[in-house]
Amino acid sequence: MFAIYDTEDCYEALVFDKTLTKLIRVKTTESNIHIFRKVFIYDIRVQNWVVRDGEEGYKEEGYEWILSAGDLSNVMERCKGLQADVKYIEFFIPKDDDDIRGLLTAAEDFHDATVGDIYVKDGKLYILFNAWSVDVLFELEGNVETNLIVGYGNMEIGDDYPIILCASMFKEGERYCWTDYEAVTSFEILAREKPDIAYFIADKVRWTLTPRNE
């Protein structure tokens, strides 16, 4: 992803087409019964990435040399060089607040997500969330505590499974916490809210995201 444009309708991302032969602007969401994620943002901590006002008062952000280019064909080779350096990582480690914000952005803050599966494998606990057109799988290790159950967030099941509006996630010391209440930003707040929210706590957390075909 080389730039993001805040247009009248939605956000549009400047990316390569599938053939890597031209740059195209793709809507990050598309309305069609549900809202499907089309582009995922994991990390924008790169050099020469800027945010500024664009045309007609809309925001735009991206590589400075992209936003300043009059003709995108002139930057193709530079973009290809960046693409060649991209390495696929199966699991991500949320090391700091920026990584956590990237996860929450990619998962749409887990809005309307449901818990699709919970299982143990090789001594690790896995929690699978079905979010908007994506599956987010957490791998938890160490001292793990959770009250999540399969089906949580599915409002079709009943009042015992309240919907997830917006999630929070934070790292405090060497421990991680995820909750379905965005106001929980510390373990102190978590202790007060525990009876009324869903959460997990773990010493080690990794996550991976898979788009679903719907």
N, C-alpha and C. Protein backbone atom coordinates (compact mmCIF):
# COMPACT_ATOMS: atom_id res chain seq x y z
N MET A 1 0.84 -1.17 0.00
CA MET A 1 0.00 0.00 0.00
C MET A 1 0.89 1.24 0.00
N PHE A 2 0.59 2.17 -0.91
CA PHE A 2 1.46 3.33 -1.07
C PHE A 2 0.82 4.64 -0.65
N ALA A 3 -0.51 4.68 -0.59
CA ALA A 3 -1.20 5.90 -0.15
C ALA A 3 -2.64 5.54 0.20
N ILE A 4 -3.27 6.40 1.02
CA ILE A 4 -4.67 6.24 1.41
C ILE A 4 -5.36 7.57 1.21
N TYR A 5 -6.49 7.56 0.52
CA TYR A 5 -7.22 8.78 0.22
C TYR A 5 -8.59 8.74 0.90
N ASP A 6 -8.91 9.81 1.63
CA ASP A 6 -10.22 9.93 2.28
C ASP A 6 -11.14 10.66 1.30
N THR A 7 -11.96 9.91 0.59
CA THR A 7 -12.83 10.50 -0.43
C THR A 7 -14.23 10.71 0.14
N GLU A 8 -15.11 11.22 -0.68
CA GLU A 8 -16.49 11.47 -0.23
C GLU A 8 -17.19 10.18 0.16
N ASP A 9 -16.88 9.09 -0.52
CA ASP A 9 -17.59 7.83 -0.29
C ASP A 9 -16.92 6.95 0.76
N CYS A 10 -15.59 6.88 0.72
CA CYS A 10 -14.89 5.96 1.61
C CYS A 10 -13.39 6.21 1.49
N TYR A 11 -12.62 5.38 2.15
CA TYR A 11 -11.16 5.43 1.98
C TYR A 11 -10.78 4.62 0.74
N GLU A 12 -9.82 5.13 -0.01
CA GLU A 12 -9.29 4.41 -1.15
C GLU A 12 -7.78 4.25 -0.97
N ALA A 13 -7.28 3.06 -1.26
CA ALA A 13 -5.86 2.77 -1.10
C ALA A 13 -5.21 2.64 -2.47
N LEU A 14 -4.02 3.21 -2.59
CA LEU A 14 -3.25 3.07 -3.82
C LEU A 14 -2.37 1.83 -3.70
N VAL A 15 -2.63 0.84 -4.53
CA VAL A 15 -1.93 -0.44 -4.46
C VAL A 15 -1.64 -0.92 -5.88
N PHE A 16 -0.84 -1.99 -5.98
CA PHE A 16 -0.63 -2.64 -7.26
C PHE A 16 -1.85 -3.47 -7.64
N ASP A 17 -2.08 -3.62 -8.94
CA ASP A 17 -3.04 -4.63 -9.37
C ASP A 17 -2.38 -6.00 -9.23
N LYS A 18 -3.12 -7.06 -9.53
CA LYS A 18 -2.62 -8.41 -9.30
C LYS A 18 -1.40 -8.74 -10.15
N THR A 19 -1.25 -8.06 -11.27
CA THR A 19 -0.14 -8.36 -12.16
C THR A 19 1.11 -7.56 -11.83
N LEU A 20 0.98 -6.63 -10.85
CA LEU A 20 2.09 -5.74 -10.47
C LEU A 20 2.59 -4.89 -11.64
N THR A 21 1.68 -4.58 -12.57
CA THR A 21 2.07 -3.78 -13.73
C THR A 21 1.51 -2.37 -13.71
N LYS A 22 0.58 -2.09 -12.81
CA LYS A 22 0.05 -0.73 -12.72
C LYS A 22 -0.48 -0.48 -11.32
N LEU A 23 -0.56 0.81 -10.96
CA LEU A 23 -1.08 1.22 -9.67
C LEU A 23 -2.57 1.54 -9.81
N ILE A 24 -3.36 1.07 -8.87
CA ILE A 24 -4.80 1.31 -8.92
C ILE A 24 -5.28 1.79 -7.56
N ARG A 25 -6.41 2.52 -7.55
CA ARG A 25 -7.03 2.96 -6.31
C ARG A 25 -8.18 2.02 -5.99
N VAL A 26 -8.12 1.38 -4.83
CA VAL A 26 -9.09 0.37 -4.43
C VAL A 26 -9.83 0.86 -3.20
N LYS A 27 -11.15 0.74 -3.20
CA LYS A 27 -11.93 1.09 -2.03
C LYS A 27 -11.61 0.11 -0.91
N THR A 28 -11.34 0.64 0.29
CA THR A 28 -11.00 -0.25 1.39
C THR A 28 -12.23 -0.96 1.93
N THR A 29 -13.42 -0.40 1.68
CA THR A 29 -14.66 -1.09 2.02
C THR A 29 -15.60 -0.98 0.84
N GLU A 30 -16.51 -1.94 0.75
CA GLU A 30 -17.47 -1.94 -0.34
C GLU A 30 -18.80 -2.42 0.20
N SER A 31 -19.85 -1.63 0.00
CA SER A 31 -21.16 -1.98 0.51
C SER A 31 -21.82 -3.00 -0.41
N ASN A 32 -22.18 -4.14 0.17
CA ASN A 32 -22.88 -5.19 -0.58
C ASN A 32 -23.40 -6.21 0.43
N ILE A 33 -24.58 -5.95 0.96
CA ILE A 33 -25.20 -6.73 2.02
C ILE A 33 -24.42 -6.54 3.32
N HIS A 34 -23.16 -6.91 3.32
CA HIS A 34 -22.28 -6.64 4.45
C HIS A 34 -21.20 -5.67 3.95
N ILE A 35 -20.36 -5.23 4.84
CA ILE A 35 -19.22 -4.41 4.43
C ILE A 35 -17.99 -5.29 4.44
N PHE A 36 -17.36 -5.43 3.30
CA PHE A 36 -16.22 -6.33 3.15
C PHE A 36 -14.93 -5.52 3.19
N ARG A 37 -13.96 -5.98 3.96
CA ARG A 37 -12.64 -5.37 3.93
C ARG A 37 -11.92 -5.81 2.67
N LYS A 38 -11.37 -4.84 1.95
CA LYS A 38 -10.64 -5.16 0.73
C LYS A 38 -9.14 -4.94 0.88
N VAL A 39 -8.74 -4.08 1.80
CA VAL A 39 -7.33 -3.77 1.99
C VAL A 39 -7.06 -3.74 3.49
N PHE A 40 -5.92 -4.26 3.91
CA PHE A 40 -5.59 -4.32 5.32
C PHE A 40 -4.31 -3.54 5.59
N ILE A 41 -4.34 -2.78 6.69
CA ILE A 41 -3.21 -1.95 7.06
C ILE A 41 -2.59 -2.55 8.32
N TYR A 42 -1.33 -2.93 8.25
CA TYR A 42 -0.67 -3.50 9.42
C TYR A 42 0.30 -2.52 10.05
N ASP A 43 1.04 -1.79 9.26
CA ASP A 43 2.11 -0.97 9.83
C ASP A 43 2.46 0.15 8.85
N ILE A 44 2.38 1.40 9.31
CA ILE A 44 2.75 2.51 8.44
C ILE A 44 3.94 3.28 9.02
N ARG A 45 4.71 2.62 9.88
CA ARG A 45 5.89 3.28 10.44
C ARG A 45 7.03 3.16 9.44
N VAL A 46 6.94 3.92 8.37
CA VAL A 46 7.95 3.90 7.32
C VAL A 46 8.44 5.31 7.10
N GLN A 47 9.58 5.43 6.50
CA GLN A 47 10.14 6.75 6.22
C GLN A 47 9.35 7.44 5.11
N ASN A 48 9.26 8.76 5.21
CA ASN A 48 8.63 9.59 4.18
C ASN A 48 7.12 9.34 4.06
N TRP A 49 6.48 8.84 5.16
CA TRP A 49 5.03 8.69 5.16
C TRP A 49 4.43 9.93 5.80
N VAL A 50 3.54 10.61 5.09
CA VAL A 50 3.00 11.89 5.58
C VAL A 50 1.47 11.85 5.55
N VAL A 51 0.88 12.74 6.32
CA VAL A 51 -0.57 12.93 6.34
C VAL A 51 -0.84 14.41 6.09
N ARG A 52 -1.74 14.71 5.16
CA ARG A 52 -1.99 16.11 4.84
C ARG A 52 -3.38 16.26 4.23
N ASP A 53 -3.80 17.52 4.07
CA ASP A 53 -5.08 17.81 3.42
C ASP A 53 -4.93 17.63 1.92
N GLY A 54 -5.90 16.94 1.33
CA GLY A 54 -5.88 16.73 -0.11
C GLY A 54 -6.87 17.63 -0.81
N GLU A 55 -7.33 17.21 -1.96
CA GLU A 55 -8.28 17.99 -2.75
C GLU A 55 -9.64 18.02 -2.06
N GLU A 56 -10.33 19.15 -2.20
CA GLU A 56 -11.69 19.33 -1.68
C GLU A 56 -11.78 19.09 -0.18
N GLY A 57 -10.67 19.31 0.53
CA GLY A 57 -10.69 19.21 1.98
C GLY A 57 -10.56 17.81 2.54
N TYR A 58 -10.44 16.80 1.67
CA TYR A 58 -10.31 15.44 2.14
C TYR A 58 -8.87 15.17 2.56
N LYS A 59 -8.71 14.25 3.51
CA LYS A 59 -7.38 13.87 3.97
C LYS A 59 -6.75 12.86 3.02
N GLU A 60 -5.44 12.89 2.97
CA GLU A 60 -4.70 11.88 2.23
C GLU A 60 -3.40 11.61 2.97
N GLU A 61 -2.94 10.38 2.87
CA GLU A 61 -1.68 10.02 3.51
C GLU A 61 -0.97 9.00 2.66
N GLY A 62 0.34 8.97 2.81
CA GLY A 62 1.12 8.02 2.02
C GLY A 62 2.57 8.46 1.93
N TYR A 63 3.31 7.77 1.08
CA TYR A 63 4.69 8.17 0.84
C TYR A 63 4.70 9.57 0.21
N GLU A 64 5.55 10.44 0.74
CA GLU A 64 5.57 11.82 0.27
C GLU A 64 5.82 11.89 -1.23
N TRP A 65 6.68 11.02 -1.73
CA TRP A 65 7.02 11.07 -3.15
C TRP A 65 5.88 10.55 -4.02
N ILE A 66 4.94 9.81 -3.42
CA ILE A 66 3.75 9.38 -4.15
C ILE A 66 2.75 10.53 -4.21
N LEU A 67 2.48 11.15 -3.06
CA LEU A 67 1.48 12.21 -3.02
C LEU A 67 1.90 13.42 -3.84
N SER A 68 3.20 13.62 -4.00
CA SER A 68 3.69 14.78 -4.76
C SER A 68 3.86 14.49 -6.24
N ALA A 69 3.74 13.23 -6.64
CA ALA A 69 3.96 12.85 -8.03
C ALA A 69 2.77 13.25 -8.90
N GLY A 70 3.04 13.95 -9.99
CA GLY A 70 1.98 14.28 -10.91
C GLY A 70 1.59 13.11 -11.79
N ASP A 71 2.55 12.28 -12.12
CA ASP A 71 2.32 11.13 -12.98
C ASP A 71 2.79 9.87 -12.26
N LEU A 72 1.84 9.01 -11.89
CA LEU A 72 2.20 7.83 -11.11
C LEU A 72 3.06 6.86 -11.89
N SER A 73 3.03 6.92 -13.20
CA SER A 73 3.86 6.01 -13.99
C SER A 73 5.34 6.27 -13.74
N ASN A 74 5.67 7.48 -13.29
CA ASN A 74 7.06 7.81 -13.03
C ASN A 74 7.60 7.20 -11.74
N VAL A 75 6.71 6.66 -10.90
CA VAL A 75 7.16 6.10 -9.63
C VAL A 75 7.02 4.58 -9.61
N MET A 76 6.67 3.99 -10.73
CA MET A 76 6.42 2.55 -10.78
C MET A 76 7.61 1.73 -10.32
N GLU A 77 8.79 2.04 -10.80
CA GLU A 77 9.96 1.23 -10.48
C GLU A 77 10.29 1.31 -8.99
N ARG A 78 10.11 2.49 -8.42
CA ARG A 78 10.37 2.65 -6.99
C ARG A 78 9.36 1.81 -6.18
N CYS A 79 8.11 1.80 -6.63
CA CYS A 79 7.10 0.99 -5.95
C CYS A 79 7.40 -0.50 -6.09
N LYS A 80 7.86 -0.90 -7.24
CA LYS A 80 8.22 -2.31 -7.44
C LYS A 80 9.35 -2.72 -6.51
N GLY A 81 10.27 -1.80 -6.27
CA GLY A 81 11.36 -2.10 -5.35
C GLY A 81 10.86 -2.32 -3.94
N LEU A 82 9.89 -1.49 -3.51
CA LEU A 82 9.30 -1.68 -2.19
C LEU A 82 8.54 -3.00 -2.11
N GLN A 83 7.81 -3.31 -3.18
CA GLN A 83 7.03 -4.55 -3.20
C GLN A 83 7.95 -5.77 -3.11
N ALA A 84 9.09 -5.68 -3.75
CA ALA A 84 10.02 -6.82 -3.76
C ALA A 84 10.57 -7.10 -2.36
N ASP A 85 10.59 -6.06 -1.51
CA ASP A 85 11.12 -6.23 -0.16
C ASP A 85 10.09 -6.73 0.85
N VAL A 86 8.82 -6.83 0.40
CA VAL A 86 7.76 -7.27 1.32
C VAL A 86 7.95 -8.75 1.66
N LYS A 87 7.93 -9.05 2.92
CA LYS A 87 8.06 -10.44 3.38
C LYS A 87 6.77 -10.86 4.08
N TYR A 88 6.27 -12.01 3.68
CA TYR A 88 5.03 -12.52 4.28
C TYR A 88 5.33 -13.07 5.66
N ILE A 89 4.56 -12.62 6.64
CA ILE A 89 4.69 -13.10 8.02
C ILE A 89 3.38 -13.75 8.41
N GLU A 90 3.43 -15.02 8.80
CA GLU A 90 2.19 -15.73 9.11
C GLU A 90 1.56 -15.21 10.39
N PHE A 91 2.37 -15.07 11.45
CA PHE A 91 1.86 -14.57 12.73
C PHE A 91 2.57 -13.26 13.08
N PHE A 92 1.79 -12.30 13.59
CA PHE A 92 2.33 -11.02 14.01
C PHE A 92 2.39 -10.97 15.53
N ILE A 93 3.42 -10.31 16.07
CA ILE A 93 3.55 -10.09 17.51
C ILE A 93 3.25 -8.62 17.78
N PRO A 94 2.21 -8.31 18.54
CA PRO A 94 1.92 -6.90 18.84
C PRO A 94 2.88 -6.38 19.91
N LYS A 95 3.98 -5.82 19.50
CA LYS A 95 5.05 -5.45 20.42
C LYS A 95 4.77 -4.15 21.17
N ASP A 96 4.01 -3.24 20.56
CA ASP A 96 3.79 -1.94 21.20
C ASP A 96 2.42 -1.40 20.78
N ASP A 97 2.13 -0.15 21.18
CA ASP A 97 0.83 0.45 20.90
C ASP A 97 0.56 0.58 19.40
N ASP A 98 1.61 0.88 18.62
CA ASP A 98 1.41 0.99 17.17
C ASP A 98 0.99 -0.34 16.57
N ASP A 99 1.62 -1.43 17.00
CA ASP A 99 1.24 -2.75 16.50
C ASP A 99 -0.20 -3.09 16.89
N ILE A 100 -0.57 -2.74 18.10
CA ILE A 100 -1.94 -3.02 18.57
C ILE A 100 -2.95 -2.21 17.78
N ARG A 101 -2.64 -0.94 17.51
CA ARG A 101 -3.56 -0.12 16.72
C ARG A 101 -3.69 -0.69 15.31
N GLY A 102 -2.59 -1.22 14.76
CA GLY A 102 -2.66 -1.84 13.44
C GLY A 102 -3.59 -3.04 13.44
N LEU A 103 -3.50 -3.85 14.49
CA LEU A 103 -4.38 -5.01 14.61
C LEU A 103 -5.84 -4.59 14.71
N LEU A 104 -6.14 -3.63 15.58
CA LEU A 104 -7.51 -3.18 15.75
C LEU A 104 -8.06 -2.56 14.47
N THR A 105 -7.22 -1.84 13.74
CA THR A 105 -7.65 -1.27 12.47
C THR A 105 -7.99 -2.36 11.46
N ALA A 106 -7.11 -3.36 11.37
CA ALA A 106 -7.34 -4.44 10.41
C ALA A 106 -8.59 -5.22 10.74
N ALA A 107 -8.93 -5.32 12.02
CA ALA A 107 -10.10 -6.09 12.45
C ALA A 107 -11.33 -5.22 12.67
N GLU A 108 -11.29 -3.95 12.21
CA GLU A 108 -12.42 -3.03 12.38
C GLU A 108 -12.84 -2.95 13.85
N ASP A 109 -11.84 -2.94 14.75
CA ASP A 109 -12.09 -2.86 16.19
C ASP A 109 -12.96 -4.01 16.70
N PHE A 110 -13.01 -5.10 15.93
CA PHE A 110 -13.79 -6.29 16.28
C PHE A 110 -15.29 -5.97 16.40
N HIS A 111 -15.72 -4.90 15.74
CA HIS A 111 -17.13 -4.53 15.76
C HIS A 111 -17.98 -5.64 15.16
N ASP A 112 -18.97 -6.10 15.91
CA ASP A 112 -19.87 -7.19 15.48
C ASP A 112 -19.16 -8.52 15.29
N ALA A 113 -17.96 -8.67 15.83
CA ALA A 113 -17.25 -9.94 15.71
C ALA A 113 -17.88 -10.99 16.63
N THR A 114 -17.65 -12.25 16.30
CA THR A 114 -18.10 -13.35 17.16
C THR A 114 -16.94 -14.31 17.37
N VAL A 115 -16.98 -15.05 18.46
CA VAL A 115 -15.96 -16.06 18.73
C VAL A 115 -16.34 -17.32 17.98
N GLY A 116 -15.53 -17.66 16.97
CA GLY A 116 -15.84 -18.82 16.13
C GLY A 116 -15.32 -20.13 16.68
N ASP A 117 -14.21 -20.08 17.42
CA ASP A 117 -13.62 -21.32 17.91
C ASP A 117 -12.63 -21.01 19.03
N ILE A 118 -12.48 -21.92 19.96
CA ILE A 118 -11.47 -21.86 21.01
C ILE A 118 -10.92 -23.27 21.17
N TYR A 119 -9.60 -23.42 21.09
CA TYR A 119 -9.02 -24.75 21.20
C TYR A 119 -7.58 -24.65 21.70
N VAL A 120 -7.08 -25.77 22.17
CA VAL A 120 -5.70 -25.87 22.66
C VAL A 120 -4.92 -26.77 21.71
N LYS A 121 -3.71 -26.33 21.36
CA LYS A 121 -2.83 -27.11 20.48
C LYS A 121 -1.40 -26.87 20.91
N ASP A 122 -0.67 -27.95 21.15
CA ASP A 122 0.74 -27.86 21.55
C ASP A 122 0.94 -26.94 22.74
N GLY A 123 0.01 -26.99 23.69
CA GLY A 123 0.15 -26.20 24.91
C GLY A 123 -0.20 -24.74 24.76
N LYS A 124 -0.72 -24.33 23.61
CA LYS A 124 -1.10 -22.94 23.38
C LYS A 124 -2.62 -22.85 23.21
N LEU A 125 -3.19 -21.76 23.69
CA LEU A 125 -4.62 -21.54 23.54
C LEU A 125 -4.87 -20.67 22.31
N TYR A 126 -5.79 -21.11 21.48
CA TYR A 126 -6.14 -20.36 20.27
C TYR A 126 -7.58 -19.87 20.37
N ILE A 127 -7.80 -18.61 20.05
CA ILE A 127 -9.14 -18.02 20.03
C ILE A 127 -9.35 -17.41 18.64
N LEU A 128 -10.37 -17.89 17.97
CA LEU A 128 -10.68 -17.44 16.61
C LEU A 128 -11.88 -16.50 16.63
N PHE A 129 -11.68 -15.29 16.14
CA PHE A 129 -12.77 -14.33 15.99
C PHE A 129 -13.18 -14.26 14.52
N ASN A 130 -14.47 -14.30 14.28
CA ASN A 130 -15.01 -14.04 12.94
C ASN A 130 -15.44 -12.58 12.92
N ALA A 131 -14.61 -11.72 12.33
CA ALA A 131 -14.93 -10.30 12.24
C ALA A 131 -15.53 -10.03 10.86
N TRP A 132 -15.64 -8.74 10.49
CA TRP A 132 -16.26 -8.40 9.22
C TRP A 132 -15.41 -8.93 8.07
N SER A 133 -15.82 -10.02 7.49
CA SER A 133 -15.20 -10.64 6.32
C SER A 133 -13.76 -11.07 6.54
N VAL A 134 -13.32 -11.12 7.82
CA VAL A 134 -11.98 -11.62 8.12
C VAL A 134 -12.05 -12.52 9.35
N ASP A 135 -11.12 -13.45 9.42
CA ASP A 135 -10.93 -14.26 10.62
C ASP A 135 -9.65 -13.81 11.30
N VAL A 136 -9.74 -13.53 12.58
CA VAL A 136 -8.57 -13.14 13.36
C VAL A 136 -8.30 -14.24 14.38
N LEU A 137 -7.13 -14.86 14.28
CA LEU A 137 -6.78 -15.96 15.17
C LEU A 137 -5.69 -15.50 16.13
N PHE A 138 -5.98 -15.60 17.43
CA PHE A 138 -5.01 -15.28 18.47
C PHE A 138 -4.37 -16.57 18.96
N GLU A 139 -3.06 -16.52 19.16
CA GLU A 139 -2.31 -17.62 19.76
C GLU A 139 -1.78 -17.12 21.10
N LEU A 140 -2.22 -17.73 22.20
CA LEU A 140 -1.90 -17.25 23.54
C LEU A 140 -1.03 -18.26 24.27
N GLU A 141 -0.02 -17.75 24.98
CA GLU A 141 0.88 -18.61 25.74
C GLU A 141 1.11 -18.03 27.13
N GLY A 142 1.68 -18.86 28.00
CA GLY A 142 2.03 -18.41 29.34
C GLY A 142 0.85 -18.52 30.27
N ASN A 143 0.78 -17.58 31.19
CA ASN A 143 -0.31 -17.54 32.16
C ASN A 143 -1.54 -16.94 31.48
N VAL A 144 -2.45 -17.78 31.00
CA VAL A 144 -3.60 -17.33 30.22
C VAL A 144 -4.86 -17.37 31.07
N GLU A 145 -5.64 -16.30 30.97
CA GLU A 145 -6.93 -16.22 31.66
C GLU A 145 -7.95 -15.66 30.68
N THR A 146 -9.12 -16.28 30.59
CA THR A 146 -10.17 -15.77 29.70
C THR A 146 -11.53 -16.28 30.15
N ASN A 147 -12.55 -15.50 29.84
CA ASN A 147 -13.92 -15.95 30.04
C ASN A 147 -14.69 -16.03 28.72
N LEU A 148 -13.96 -15.91 27.60
CA LEU A 148 -14.58 -16.02 26.28
C LEU A 148 -15.05 -17.44 26.04
N ILE A 149 -16.16 -17.57 25.35
CA ILE A 149 -16.69 -18.88 24.97
C ILE A 149 -17.08 -18.85 23.51
N VAL A 150 -17.13 -20.00 22.89
CA VAL A 150 -17.53 -20.08 21.48
C VAL A 150 -18.95 -19.55 21.33
N GLY A 151 -19.14 -18.69 20.35
CA GLY A 151 -20.45 -18.10 20.12
C GLY A 151 -20.61 -16.72 20.71
N TYR A 152 -19.68 -16.31 21.57
CA TYR A 152 -19.80 -14.98 22.18
C TYR A 152 -19.86 -13.91 21.09
N GLY A 153 -20.78 -12.99 21.23
CA GLY A 153 -20.97 -11.94 20.24
C GLY A 153 -22.05 -12.24 19.24
N ASN A 154 -22.54 -13.47 19.21
CA ASN A 154 -23.59 -13.85 18.26
C ASN A 154 -24.95 -13.47 18.85
N MET A 155 -25.50 -12.35 18.41
CA MET A 155 -26.74 -11.86 18.99
C MET A 155 -27.93 -12.75 18.65
N GLU A 156 -27.76 -13.67 17.70
CA GLU A 156 -28.85 -14.58 17.37
C GLU A 156 -29.03 -15.66 18.43
N ILE A 157 -28.02 -15.85 19.29
CA ILE A 157 -28.10 -16.89 20.31
C ILE A 157 -28.94 -16.43 21.50
N GLY A 158 -28.86 -15.15 21.83
CA GLY A 158 -29.64 -14.65 22.96
C GLY A 158 -28.89 -13.65 23.78
N ASP A 159 -29.54 -13.21 24.86
CA ASP A 159 -28.97 -12.15 25.69
C ASP A 159 -27.69 -12.56 26.40
N ASP A 160 -27.45 -13.86 26.55
CA ASP A 160 -26.23 -14.32 27.21
C ASP A 160 -25.00 -14.11 26.34
N TYR A 161 -25.20 -13.72 25.10
CA TYR A 161 -24.10 -13.52 24.16
C TYR A 161 -24.19 -12.11 23.59
N PRO A 162 -23.89 -11.08 24.38
CA PRO A 162 -24.04 -9.70 23.90
C PRO A 162 -23.11 -9.41 22.73
N ILE A 163 -23.52 -8.48 21.88
CA ILE A 163 -22.72 -8.15 20.71
C ILE A 163 -21.47 -7.39 21.14
N ILE A 164 -20.43 -7.49 20.33
CA ILE A 164 -19.19 -6.75 20.55
C ILE A 164 -19.29 -5.45 19.76
N LEU A 165 -19.25 -4.33 20.44
CA LEU A 165 -19.34 -3.04 19.75
C LEU A 165 -17.95 -2.57 19.31
N CYS A 166 -17.05 -2.41 20.26
CA CYS A 166 -15.67 -2.04 19.95
C CYS A 166 -14.75 -2.67 21.00
N ALA A 167 -13.67 -3.25 20.56
CA ALA A 167 -12.75 -3.92 21.46
C ALA A 167 -11.63 -2.98 21.89
N SER A 168 -10.97 -3.37 22.96
CA SER A 168 -9.74 -2.70 23.37
C SER A 168 -8.65 -3.75 23.50
N MET A 169 -7.43 -3.33 23.37
CA MET A 169 -6.30 -4.23 23.60
C MET A 169 -5.13 -3.39 24.06
N PHE A 170 -4.38 -3.90 25.03
CA PHE A 170 -3.23 -3.15 25.53
C PHE A 170 -2.19 -4.12 26.06
N LYS A 171 -0.97 -3.62 26.17
CA LYS A 171 0.13 -4.34 26.79
C LYS A 171 0.57 -3.54 27.99
N GLU A 172 0.61 -4.18 29.15
CA GLU A 172 1.03 -3.52 30.38
C GLU A 172 2.08 -4.39 31.04
N GLY A 173 3.28 -3.86 31.19
CA GLY A 173 4.39 -4.68 31.65
C GLY A 173 4.71 -5.71 30.58
N GLU A 174 4.69 -6.96 30.96
CA GLU A 174 4.96 -8.03 29.99
C GLU A 174 3.72 -8.85 29.67
N ARG A 175 2.53 -8.30 30.00
CA ARG A 175 1.30 -9.05 29.77
C ARG A 175 0.39 -8.30 28.82
N TYR A 176 -0.42 -9.06 28.10
CA TYR A 176 -1.36 -8.51 27.13
C TYR A 176 -2.79 -8.72 27.61
N CYS A 177 -3.67 -7.82 27.19
CA CYS A 177 -5.08 -7.97 27.51
C CYS A 177 -5.93 -7.53 26.32
N TRP A 178 -6.96 -8.31 26.01
CA TRP A 178 -7.99 -7.95 25.03
C TRP A 178 -9.33 -7.97 25.74
N THR A 179 -10.18 -6.96 25.48
CA THR A 179 -11.52 -6.95 26.05
C THR A 179 -12.51 -6.47 25.00
N ASP A 180 -13.79 -6.72 25.26
CA ASP A 180 -14.82 -6.24 24.34
C ASP A 180 -15.39 -4.91 24.79
N TYR A 181 -14.64 -4.17 25.61
CA TYR A 181 -15.07 -2.87 26.11
C TYR A 181 -13.93 -1.88 25.89
N GLU A 182 -14.13 -0.92 24.98
CA GLU A 182 -13.03 -0.07 24.54
C GLU A 182 -12.49 0.84 25.64
N ALA A 183 -13.25 1.04 26.73
CA ALA A 183 -12.78 1.91 27.80
C ALA A 183 -11.76 1.24 28.71
N VAL A 184 -11.55 -0.06 28.55
CA VAL A 184 -10.58 -0.78 29.38
C VAL A 184 -9.19 -0.61 28.76
N THR A 185 -8.36 0.17 29.41
CA THR A 185 -7.03 0.46 28.88
C THR A 185 -5.91 0.11 29.87
N SER A 186 -6.26 -0.53 30.98
CA SER A 186 -5.26 -0.93 31.97
C SER A 186 -5.81 -2.09 32.78
N PHE A 187 -4.93 -2.78 33.48
CA PHE A 187 -5.38 -3.89 34.33
C PHE A 187 -6.16 -3.37 35.54
N GLU A 188 -5.89 -2.15 35.95
CA GLU A 188 -6.65 -1.57 37.05
C GLU A 188 -8.12 -1.39 36.66
N ILE A 189 -8.34 -0.87 35.44
CA ILE A 189 -9.72 -0.72 34.97
C ILE A 189 -10.35 -2.08 34.72
N LEU A 190 -9.55 -3.01 34.20
CA LEU A 190 -10.07 -4.35 33.95
C LEU A 190 -10.59 -4.99 35.23
N ALA A 191 -9.87 -4.82 36.35
CA ALA A 191 -10.28 -5.42 37.61
C ALA A 191 -11.67 -4.94 38.03
N ARG A 192 -11.98 -3.68 37.73
CA ARG A 192 -13.30 -3.14 38.09
C ARG A 192 -14.39 -3.62 37.15
N GLU A 193 -14.04 -3.82 35.87
CA GLU A 193 -15.05 -4.13 34.87
C GLU A 193 -15.22 -5.63 34.61
N LYS A 194 -14.35 -6.45 35.17
CA LYS A 194 -14.33 -7.88 34.88
C LYS A 194 -15.69 -8.57 34.93
N PRO A 195 -16.53 -8.28 35.92
CA PRO A 195 -17.79 -9.02 35.98
C PRO A 195 -18.71 -8.81 34.78
N ASP A 196 -18.51 -7.72 34.04
CA ASP A 196 -19.47 -7.34 33.00
C ASP A 196 -18.93 -7.40 31.58
N ILE A 197 -17.68 -7.83 31.40
CA ILE A 197 -17.10 -7.82 30.06
C ILE A 197 -16.44 -9.15 29.75
N ALA A 198 -16.15 -9.34 28.48
CA ALA A 198 -15.39 -10.52 28.04
C ALA A 198 -13.94 -10.09 27.81
N TYR A 199 -13.01 -11.02 28.06
CA TYR A 199 -11.60 -10.63 27.97
C TYR A 199 -10.72 -11.86 27.84
N PHE A 200 -9.47 -11.61 27.45
CA PHE A 200 -8.41 -12.60 27.67
C PHE A 200 -7.15 -11.87 28.12
N ILE A 201 -6.34 -12.57 28.92
CA ILE A 201 -5.05 -12.07 29.38
C ILE A 201 -4.02 -13.16 29.09
N ALA A 202 -2.85 -12.76 28.63
CA ALA A 202 -1.81 -13.75 28.33
C ALA A 202 -0.43 -13.11 28.42
N ASP A 203 0.56 -13.97 28.69
CA ASP A 203 1.94 -13.49 28.73
C ASP A 203 2.49 -13.24 27.33
N LYS A 204 2.09 -14.08 26.39
CA LYS A 204 2.55 -13.96 25.01
C LYS A 204 1.35 -14.02 24.08
N VAL A 205 1.35 -13.14 23.07
CA VAL A 205 0.25 -13.10 22.11
C VAL A 205 0.82 -12.99 20.70
N ARG A 206 0.31 -13.82 19.82
CA ARG A 206 0.56 -13.65 18.39
C ARG A 206 -0.80 -13.70 17.69
N TRP A 207 -0.87 -13.09 16.49
CA TRP A 207 -2.15 -13.09 15.79
C TRP A 207 -1.94 -13.19 14.29
N THR A 208 -2.93 -13.71 13.62
CA THR A 208 -2.89 -13.77 12.16
C THR A 208 -4.30 -13.46 11.65
N LEU A 209 -4.38 -12.94 10.46
CA LEU A 209 -5.66 -12.51 9.88
C LEU A 209 -5.83 -13.16 8.51
N THR A 210 -7.02 -13.69 8.27
CA THR A 210 -7.32 -14.36 7.00
C THR A 210 -8.62 -13.79 6.43
N PRO A 211 -8.60 -13.22 5.23
CA PRO A 211 -9.86 -12.78 4.61
C PRO A 211 -10.75 -13.97 4.32
N ARG A 212 -12.06 -13.80 4.51
CA ARG A 212 -13.02 -14.84 4.22
C ARG A 212 -13.75 -14.53 2.92
N ASN A 213 -14.12 -15.55 2.21
CA ASN A 213 -14.97 -15.40 1.03
C ASN A 213 -16.41 -15.52 1.48
N GLU A 214 -17.19 -14.43 1.29
CA GLU A 214 -18.58 -14.46 1.72
C GLU A 214 -19.49 -14.28 0.53
